[in-house]
Amino acid sequence: MSNYVKAVKGKSSRKLLSEYKRLSKAFWGRHIWARGYFAASTGNVTDEVVAEYIRLQQEMESTHDDDFTIGK
């Protein structure tokens, strides 16, 4: 894993644990982030297309109730 990814994970976990006390209780003695990470190239897809995809995924998440999905 790259040093950059390690730094981002380390700093973000410290910030999350300091700002959200319930997280520090839930993750006491454990790790927030997994060891690995995923990165992918978008090829010739524009930033706008990626942003729209993310927006649509967030909308889909709001329609999920645990394992139950409401289709469109």
N, C-alpha and C. Protein backbone atom coordinates (compact mmCIF):
# COMPACT_ATOMS: atom_id res chain seq x y z
N MET A 1 0.86 -1.17 0.00
CA MET A 1 0.00 0.00 0.00
C MET A 1 0.91 1.23 0.00
N SER A 2 0.54 2.23 -0.76
CA SER A 2 1.38 3.42 -0.88
C SER A 2 1.37 4.22 0.42
N ASN A 3 2.44 4.97 0.63
CA ASN A 3 2.53 5.82 1.82
C ASN A 3 1.45 6.87 1.83
N TYR A 4 1.05 7.35 0.65
CA TYR A 4 -0.01 8.35 0.57
C TYR A 4 -1.32 7.79 1.11
N VAL A 5 -1.68 6.58 0.69
CA VAL A 5 -2.93 5.95 1.15
C VAL A 5 -2.87 5.72 2.65
N LYS A 6 -1.72 5.26 3.15
CA LYS A 6 -1.56 5.06 4.59
C LYS A 6 -1.76 6.37 5.35
N ALA A 7 -1.20 7.45 4.83
CA ALA A 7 -1.33 8.76 5.49
C ALA A 7 -2.78 9.22 5.51
N VAL A 8 -3.47 9.07 4.38
CA VAL A 8 -4.87 9.48 4.31
C VAL A 8 -5.72 8.67 5.29
N LYS A 9 -5.52 7.36 5.32
CA LYS A 9 -6.28 6.52 6.23
C LYS A 9 -5.97 6.86 7.68
N GLY A 10 -4.69 7.08 8.00
CA GLY A 10 -4.32 7.40 9.37
C GLY A 10 -4.90 8.72 9.84
N LYS A 11 -4.75 9.76 9.03
CA LYS A 11 -5.26 11.07 9.42
C LYS A 11 -6.78 11.10 9.49
N SER A 12 -7.43 10.45 8.52
CA SER A 12 -8.89 10.46 8.53
C SER A 12 -9.44 9.67 9.72
N SER A 13 -8.81 8.55 10.06
CA SER A 13 -9.31 7.79 11.21
C SER A 13 -9.11 8.56 12.51
N ARG A 14 -7.99 9.24 12.68
CA ARG A 14 -7.78 10.04 13.89
C ARG A 14 -8.82 11.15 13.99
N LYS A 15 -9.11 11.80 12.86
CA LYS A 15 -10.09 12.88 12.86
C LYS A 15 -11.49 12.34 13.19
N LEU A 16 -11.87 11.24 12.55
CA LEU A 16 -13.18 10.64 12.82
C LEU A 16 -13.32 10.24 14.28
N LEU A 17 -12.29 9.59 14.82
CA LEU A 17 -12.35 9.12 16.20
C LEU A 17 -12.38 10.27 17.19
N SER A 18 -11.72 11.38 16.86
CA SER A 18 -11.73 12.51 17.78
C SER A 18 -13.04 13.30 17.71
N GLU A 19 -13.67 13.33 16.55
CA GLU A 19 -14.90 14.10 16.39
C GLU A 19 -16.16 13.32 16.75
N TYR A 20 -16.13 12.01 16.62
CA TYR A 20 -17.31 11.18 16.87
C TYR A 20 -16.97 10.16 17.96
N LYS A 21 -17.28 10.52 19.18
CA LYS A 21 -16.91 9.69 20.33
C LYS A 21 -17.53 8.30 20.28
N ARG A 22 -18.72 8.18 19.68
CA ARG A 22 -19.33 6.85 19.62
C ARG A 22 -18.51 5.92 18.71
N LEU A 23 -17.82 6.49 17.72
CA LEU A 23 -16.94 5.66 16.88
C LEU A 23 -15.75 5.16 17.68
N SER A 24 -15.19 6.04 18.50
CA SER A 24 -14.01 5.60 19.27
C SER A 24 -14.40 4.50 20.26
N LYS A 25 -15.63 4.53 20.77
CA LYS A 25 -16.09 3.45 21.64
C LYS A 25 -16.31 2.16 20.84
N ALA A 26 -16.91 2.31 19.65
CA ALA A 26 -17.21 1.13 18.82
C ALA A 26 -15.94 0.48 18.27
N PHE A 27 -14.90 1.29 17.98
CA PHE A 27 -13.68 0.75 17.36
C PHE A 27 -12.51 0.70 18.33
N TRP A 28 -12.77 0.73 19.64
CA TRP A 28 -11.71 0.69 20.63
C TRP A 28 -10.84 -0.55 20.41
N GLY A 29 -9.55 -0.33 20.17
CA GLY A 29 -8.62 -1.44 19.97
C GLY A 29 -8.70 -2.10 18.61
N ARG A 30 -9.51 -1.54 17.72
CA ARG A 30 -9.65 -2.12 16.37
C ARG A 30 -9.32 -1.06 15.32
N HIS A 31 -9.28 -1.47 14.07
CA HIS A 31 -8.99 -0.57 12.96
C HIS A 31 -10.27 -0.14 12.28
N ILE A 32 -10.33 1.12 11.86
CA ILE A 32 -11.48 1.61 11.09
C ILE A 32 -11.37 1.15 9.64
N TRP A 33 -10.20 1.31 9.06
CA TRP A 33 -10.00 1.01 7.64
C TRP A 33 -9.38 -0.37 7.46
N ALA A 34 -9.74 -1.03 6.37
CA ALA A 34 -9.12 -2.29 6.01
C ALA A 34 -7.72 -2.02 5.44
N ARG A 35 -6.90 -3.05 5.32
CA ARG A 35 -5.54 -2.88 4.83
C ARG A 35 -5.49 -2.45 3.37
N GLY A 36 -6.36 -2.96 2.56
CA GLY A 36 -6.30 -2.70 1.13
C GLY A 36 -6.99 -1.42 0.72
N TYR A 37 -6.95 -1.15 -0.54
CA TYR A 37 -7.68 -0.03 -1.12
C TYR A 37 -7.94 -0.34 -2.59
N PHE A 38 -8.84 0.40 -3.18
CA PHE A 38 -9.20 0.19 -4.58
C PHE A 38 -9.01 1.49 -5.34
N ALA A 39 -8.39 1.41 -6.48
CA ALA A 39 -8.24 2.56 -7.36
C ALA A 39 -8.49 2.10 -8.78
N ALA A 40 -9.14 2.94 -9.56
CA ALA A 40 -9.43 2.57 -10.95
C ALA A 40 -9.32 3.79 -11.83
N SER A 41 -9.02 3.54 -13.07
CA SER A 41 -8.96 4.60 -14.07
C SER A 41 -10.33 4.73 -14.71
N THR A 42 -10.73 5.95 -15.02
CA THR A 42 -12.01 6.14 -15.68
C THR A 42 -11.86 6.26 -17.19
N GLY A 43 -10.66 6.13 -17.68
CA GLY A 43 -10.45 6.21 -19.12
C GLY A 43 -10.84 7.56 -19.67
N ASN A 44 -11.69 7.56 -20.69
CA ASN A 44 -12.08 8.82 -21.32
C ASN A 44 -13.41 9.34 -20.80
N VAL A 45 -13.84 8.90 -19.63
CA VAL A 45 -15.08 9.36 -19.02
C VAL A 45 -14.82 10.71 -18.36
N THR A 46 -15.72 11.64 -18.55
CA THR A 46 -15.53 12.99 -18.00
C THR A 46 -15.82 13.03 -16.50
N ASP A 47 -15.32 14.07 -15.85
CA ASP A 47 -15.60 14.26 -14.42
C ASP A 47 -17.10 14.39 -14.16
N GLU A 48 -17.81 15.01 -15.09
CA GLU A 48 -19.25 15.19 -14.93
C GLU A 48 -19.97 13.85 -14.92
N VAL A 49 -19.56 12.92 -15.78
CA VAL A 49 -20.17 11.60 -15.83
C VAL A 49 -19.91 10.85 -14.52
N VAL A 50 -18.70 10.95 -14.00
CA VAL A 50 -18.37 10.29 -12.73
C VAL A 50 -19.20 10.90 -11.60
N ALA A 51 -19.31 12.24 -11.56
CA ALA A 51 -20.09 12.91 -10.52
C ALA A 51 -21.55 12.50 -10.58
N GLU A 52 -22.11 12.38 -11.78
CA GLU A 52 -23.50 11.96 -11.94
C GLU A 52 -23.69 10.53 -11.46
N TYR A 53 -22.74 9.66 -11.77
CA TYR A 53 -22.81 8.26 -11.31
C TYR A 53 -22.82 8.21 -9.78
N ILE A 54 -21.94 8.99 -9.15
CA ILE A 54 -21.89 9.02 -7.69
C ILE A 54 -23.21 9.53 -7.12
N ARG A 55 -23.75 10.59 -7.71
CA ARG A 55 -25.01 11.15 -7.25
C ARG A 55 -26.12 10.10 -7.33
N LEU A 56 -26.17 9.37 -8.43
CA LEU A 56 -27.21 8.34 -8.61
C LEU A 56 -27.03 7.20 -7.60
N GLN A 57 -25.78 6.84 -7.30
CA GLN A 57 -25.53 5.80 -6.30
C GLN A 57 -26.01 6.25 -4.93
N GLN A 58 -25.80 7.52 -4.61
CA GLN A 58 -26.25 8.03 -3.32
C GLN A 58 -27.77 8.01 -3.25
N GLU A 59 -28.44 8.33 -4.35
CA GLU A 59 -29.90 8.26 -4.38
C GLU A 59 -30.37 6.83 -4.18
N MET A 60 -29.69 5.89 -4.81
CA MET A 60 -30.07 4.48 -4.67
C MET A 60 -29.88 4.02 -3.23
N GLU A 61 -28.81 4.46 -2.57
CA GLU A 61 -28.57 4.07 -1.18
C GLU A 61 -29.70 4.54 -0.28
N SER A 62 -30.26 5.70 -0.59
CA SER A 62 -31.33 6.23 0.26
C SER A 62 -32.63 5.44 0.10
N THR A 63 -32.74 4.62 -0.95
CA THR A 63 -33.94 3.80 -1.13
C THR A 63 -33.77 2.40 -0.55
N HIS A 64 -32.57 2.08 -0.02
CA HIS A 64 -32.32 0.76 0.54
C HIS A 64 -32.72 0.71 2.00
N ASP A 65 -33.31 -0.40 2.39
CA ASP A 65 -33.64 -0.66 3.79
C ASP A 65 -32.99 -1.99 4.14
N ASP A 66 -31.77 -1.93 4.68
CA ASP A 66 -30.95 -3.11 4.91
C ASP A 66 -30.76 -3.89 3.61
N ASP A 67 -31.30 -5.11 3.52
CA ASP A 67 -31.15 -5.90 2.31
C ASP A 67 -32.30 -5.71 1.33
N PHE A 68 -33.26 -4.89 1.68
CA PHE A 68 -34.43 -4.69 0.84
C PHE A 68 -34.21 -3.49 -0.06
N THR A 69 -34.42 -3.66 -1.37
CA THR A 69 -34.21 -2.58 -2.33
C THR A 69 -35.52 -2.24 -3.01
N ILE A 70 -35.79 -0.96 -3.12
CA ILE A 70 -36.97 -0.49 -3.85
C ILE A 70 -36.50 -0.12 -5.26
N GLY A 71 -36.98 -0.85 -6.26
CA GLY A 71 -36.57 -0.59 -7.64
C GLY A 71 -37.36 0.57 -8.25
N LYS A 72 -36.78 1.16 -9.28
CA LYS A 72 -37.45 2.27 -9.96
C LYS A 72 -38.17 1.78 -11.17
